[in-house]
Amino acid sequence: MNQLSTPVAEKKGTFILFSTTKNLTKTDLKKTFNVKKGNLVLIKRKHIDEGYIFDQLFAIKTAAPNDGIYHNYEQDKFVTHIYSVKQNTCAKDFALMKYGAELLGGFDVCHSDLMTLTGMIESYRQIAYFCSHGKNSLKSLERQATEMSEHQIGPDTQFQNQLQDVINSIEDFSHPKLIEFKEKIDDWFESHKWKDAYSESDAQNDQHNILVA
């Protein structure tokens, strides 16, 4: 009789995010966050995807779909470094004073948490693309139809009304889905914000409050 293997527990870590031109070192970060050990990743080349997922997370968290802003990027605030430590081991107070706005905050995560986030972000991205590019393409066609109609060489008003109906249908279909996935991503954001080793409350940066928006 075959015995079931004992499941291997996922490693849980805190990913601390930076946007800086400074030369960060593991030795300095270890002292700053008062941890025994940690791993520092520079976001470039083979690690570009690690930074991109959090860039997307921040851009969606501060997006305003109702205003047609599906991703709100801060061009000078892309993630440049990720310092990972064991969950509930790091102290944040000195780091906040030392790095200020360069410290974007962080998240308590395991591999499955990141996979869940990646899936939600991809769904949101596809819906946003469909919504924005679909409407823009139809509006461009609508403008062309109007110009042709003015020169009496194009479609009549009925065709233009049909185009507008399609545009409205895209909005009716895509917008609720967009809001649904943004809310899911916002919930993930809030529930995984990193916690200080010496506090039960969520860690937050008062100087750069992107993590508490």
Protein backbone atom coordinates (compact mmCIF):
# COMPACT_ATOMS: atom_id res chain seq x y z
CA MET A 1 0.00 0.00 0.00
CA ASN A 2 1.41 3.32 -1.06
CA GLN A 3 1.62 5.97 1.58
CA LEU A 4 0.85 9.55 0.74
CA SER A 5 3.81 11.89 0.86
CA THR A 6 3.78 14.55 3.52
CA PRO A 7 3.09 17.92 1.86
CA VAL A 8 6.02 20.29 1.88
CA ALA A 9 5.09 23.61 3.48
CA GLU A 10 5.61 26.67 1.34
CA LYS A 11 8.32 29.03 2.41
CA LYS A 12 6.86 32.30 3.62
CA GLY A 13 8.86 35.46 3.22
CA THR A 14 8.65 39.22 3.29
CA PHE A 15 9.55 40.99 0.06
CA ILE A 16 10.75 44.52 0.83
CA LEU A 17 10.70 46.77 -2.24
CA PHE A 18 12.96 49.66 -3.17
CA SER A 19 13.12 52.21 -5.96
CA THR A 20 16.60 53.67 -5.69
CA THR A 21 19.82 54.44 -7.53
CA LYS A 22 21.82 53.64 -4.39
CA ASN A 23 24.14 50.65 -4.22
CA LEU A 24 22.30 48.58 -1.64
CA THR A 25 24.22 45.81 0.11
CA LYS A 26 23.04 42.79 2.08
CA THR A 27 25.31 43.72 4.98
CA ASP A 28 23.80 47.18 5.31
CA LEU A 29 20.21 45.95 4.87
CA LYS A 30 20.73 43.24 7.47
CA LYS A 31 21.68 45.90 10.02
CA THR A 32 18.97 48.32 8.93
CA PHE A 33 16.13 45.82 9.24
CA ASN A 34 17.68 44.01 12.22
CA VAL A 35 17.46 40.55 10.64
CA LYS A 36 19.77 37.54 10.82
CA LYS A 37 19.89 37.04 7.07
CA GLY A 38 18.21 38.07 3.84
CA ASN A 39 18.53 37.85 0.08
CA LEU A 40 18.94 40.92 -2.14
CA VAL A 41 17.82 40.86 -5.78
CA LEU A 42 18.64 43.61 -8.27
CA ILE A 43 15.76 43.95 -10.74
CA LYS A 44 17.39 43.56 -14.14
CA ARG A 45 17.96 40.88 -16.74
CA LYS A 46 16.85 37.50 -15.37
CA HIS A 47 15.01 39.08 -12.42
CA ILE A 48 13.01 41.61 -14.44
CA ASP A 49 9.75 39.66 -13.98
CA GLU A 50 9.99 39.86 -10.18
CA GLY A 51 9.98 43.64 -10.29
CA TYR A 52 7.35 43.84 -13.05
CA ILE A 53 4.66 42.05 -11.05
CA PHE A 54 4.94 44.61 -8.24
CA ASP A 55 5.12 47.52 -10.70
CA GLN A 56 1.83 46.23 -12.12
CA LEU A 57 0.39 45.84 -8.62
CA PHE A 58 1.15 49.47 -7.70
CA ALA A 59 -0.10 50.73 -11.08
CA ILE A 60 -3.43 48.92 -10.68
CA LYS A 61 -3.81 49.84 -7.00
CA THR A 62 -3.68 53.56 -7.88
CA ALA A 63 -5.60 53.23 -11.15
CA ALA A 64 -8.93 54.94 -11.81
CA PRO A 65 -10.90 52.81 -14.30
CA ASN A 66 -13.93 55.07 -14.05
CA ASP A 67 -11.76 57.84 -15.49
CA GLY A 68 -10.23 55.61 -18.15
CA ILE A 69 -6.92 55.24 -16.24
CA TYR A 70 -6.40 51.50 -16.19
CA HIS A 71 -2.74 51.56 -15.06
CA ASN A 72 -1.30 54.49 -13.11
CA TYR A 73 2.48 54.19 -13.31
CA GLU A 74 4.89 56.48 -11.47
CA GLN A 75 7.73 56.52 -13.97
CA ASP A 76 10.38 57.23 -11.32
CA LYS A 77 9.06 54.66 -8.86
CA PHE A 78 9.65 51.35 -10.59
CA VAL A 79 10.95 48.58 -8.33
CA THR A 80 14.76 48.38 -8.58
CA HIS A 81 15.59 46.03 -5.67
CA ILE A 82 13.82 43.35 -3.65
CA TYR A 83 15.16 42.35 -0.25
CA SER A 84 13.58 39.12 0.98
CA VAL A 85 13.62 37.95 4.59
CA LYS A 86 11.73 35.47 6.74
CA GLN A 87 8.25 36.68 7.64
CA ASN A 88 7.74 38.61 10.86
CA THR A 89 11.47 39.08 11.48
CA CYS A 90 12.26 42.60 10.23
CA ALA A 91 11.92 45.93 11.99
CA LYS A 92 10.88 48.87 9.85
CA ASP A 93 11.29 52.06 11.89
CA PHE A 94 14.96 52.77 11.17
CA ALA A 95 14.53 51.77 7.51
CA LEU A 96 11.73 54.30 7.04
CA MET A 97 13.94 57.08 8.35
CA LYS A 98 16.97 55.96 6.38
CA TYR A 99 15.41 55.35 2.95
CA GLY A 100 12.30 57.52 2.98
CA ALA A 101 10.45 57.48 -0.34
CA GLU A 102 12.99 55.04 -1.80
CA LEU A 103 11.42 52.34 0.36
CA LEU A 104 8.16 51.39 -1.39
CA GLY A 105 7.07 49.02 1.36
CA GLY A 106 6.66 45.28 1.11
CA PHE A 107 4.50 42.19 1.21
CA ASP A 108 4.30 38.97 3.23
CA VAL A 109 4.00 36.24 0.61
CA CYS A 110 4.64 32.65 -0.37
CA HIS A 111 4.89 31.21 -3.89
CA SER A 112 1.17 30.49 -4.21
CA ASP A 113 0.33 34.06 -3.14
CA LEU A 114 2.45 35.42 -5.99
CA MET A 115 0.89 32.98 -8.47
CA THR A 116 -2.58 34.11 -7.40
CA LEU A 117 -1.57 37.74 -7.83
CA THR A 118 -0.02 37.07 -11.24
CA GLY A 119 -3.23 35.42 -12.45
CA MET A 120 -5.42 38.30 -11.27
CA ILE A 121 -3.12 40.89 -12.81
CA GLU A 122 -3.13 39.06 -16.15
CA SER A 123 -6.95 38.89 -16.12
CA TYR A 124 -7.15 42.59 -15.31
CA ARG A 125 -4.61 43.41 -18.03
CA GLN A 126 -6.57 41.51 -20.68
CA ILE A 127 -9.86 43.15 -19.75
CA ALA A 128 -8.25 46.60 -19.66
CA TYR A 129 -6.70 46.02 -23.10
CA PHE A 130 -10.02 44.84 -24.51
CA CYS A 131 -11.83 47.80 -22.99
CA SER A 132 -9.41 50.54 -24.02
CA HIS A 133 -8.26 49.29 -27.42
CA GLY A 134 -11.67 47.96 -28.42
CA LYS A 135 -13.39 51.25 -27.70
CA ASN A 136 -10.61 53.30 -29.27
CA SER A 137 -10.71 51.25 -32.47
CA LEU A 138 -14.47 51.59 -32.78
CA LYS A 139 -14.38 55.30 -32.00
CA SER A 140 -11.78 55.77 -34.73
CA LEU A 141 -14.06 53.89 -37.14
CA GLU A 142 -16.97 56.03 -36.00
CA ARG A 143 -15.02 59.24 -36.74
CA GLN A 144 -14.10 57.97 -40.18
CA ALA A 145 -17.71 57.06 -40.88
CA THR A 146 -18.81 60.55 -39.82
CA GLU A 147 -16.27 62.19 -42.14
CA MET A 148 -17.36 60.00 -45.06
CA SER A 149 -21.00 60.74 -44.34
CA GLU A 150 -20.33 64.49 -44.37
CA HIS A 151 -18.95 64.07 -47.89
CA GLN A 152 -21.94 61.91 -48.83
CA ILE A 153 -19.72 58.94 -49.69
CA GLY A 154 -20.07 56.91 -46.57
CA PRO A 155 -22.53 55.08 -44.34
CA ASP A 156 -25.74 56.63 -43.11
CA THR A 157 -26.76 57.60 -39.59
CA GLN A 158 -28.11 54.14 -38.86
CA PHE A 159 -24.65 52.62 -39.28
CA GLN A 160 -23.13 55.23 -36.96
CA ASN A 161 -25.78 54.48 -34.35
CA GLN A 162 -24.96 50.79 -34.61
CA LEU A 163 -21.30 51.57 -33.99
CA GLN A 164 -22.19 53.55 -30.90
CA ASP A 165 -24.32 50.64 -29.68
CA VAL A 166 -21.31 48.32 -30.01
CA ILE A 167 -19.11 50.80 -28.10
CA ASN A 168 -21.69 50.92 -25.33
CA SER A 169 -21.89 47.11 -25.30
CA ILE A 170 -18.12 46.86 -24.82
CA GLU A 171 -18.37 49.26 -21.88
CA ASP A 172 -21.29 47.37 -20.36
CA PHE A 173 -19.45 44.05 -20.62
CA SER A 174 -15.91 45.02 -19.69
CA HIS A 175 -16.27 47.69 -17.02
CA PRO A 176 -17.90 45.51 -14.31
CA LYS A 177 -15.24 42.83 -14.90
CA LEU A 178 -12.51 45.46 -14.68
CA ILE A 179 -13.84 46.73 -11.36
CA GLU A 180 -14.25 43.15 -10.07
CA PHE A 181 -10.60 42.25 -10.68
CA LYS A 182 -9.34 45.60 -9.41
CA GLU A 183 -11.18 44.99 -6.15
CA LYS A 184 -9.65 41.50 -5.90
CA ILE A 185 -6.17 42.94 -6.49
CA ASP A 186 -6.82 45.71 -3.95
CA ASP A 187 -7.89 43.08 -1.41
CA TRP A 188 -4.71 41.07 -2.09
CA PHE A 189 -2.68 44.26 -1.63
CA GLU A 190 -4.21 45.03 1.74
CA SER A 191 -4.13 41.49 3.13
CA HIS A 192 -0.46 40.87 2.23
CA LYS A 193 1.12 44.15 3.34
CA TRP A 194 4.20 43.32 5.41
CA LYS A 195 4.05 43.39 9.17
CA ASP A 196 6.73 44.68 11.47
CA ALA A 197 8.36 42.15 13.77
CA TYR A 198 7.46 44.32 16.77
CA SER A 199 3.95 45.34 15.83
CA GLU A 200 0.67 43.60 15.00
CA SER A 201 -0.35 46.48 12.74
CA ASP A 202 0.47 46.66 9.06
CA ALA A 203 3.79 48.31 8.28
CA GLN A 204 3.32 51.57 6.46
CA ASN A 205 5.50 54.37 5.25
CA ASP A 206 4.14 57.74 6.36
CA GLN A 207 6.47 59.58 4.00
CA HIS A 208 5.48 57.60 0.90
CA ASN A 209 2.04 56.12 1.48
CA ILE A 210 1.58 54.21 -1.77
CA LEU A 211 1.02 51.08 0.33
CA VAL A 212 -1.84 52.59 2.26
CA ALA A 213 -3.62 54.41 -0.55
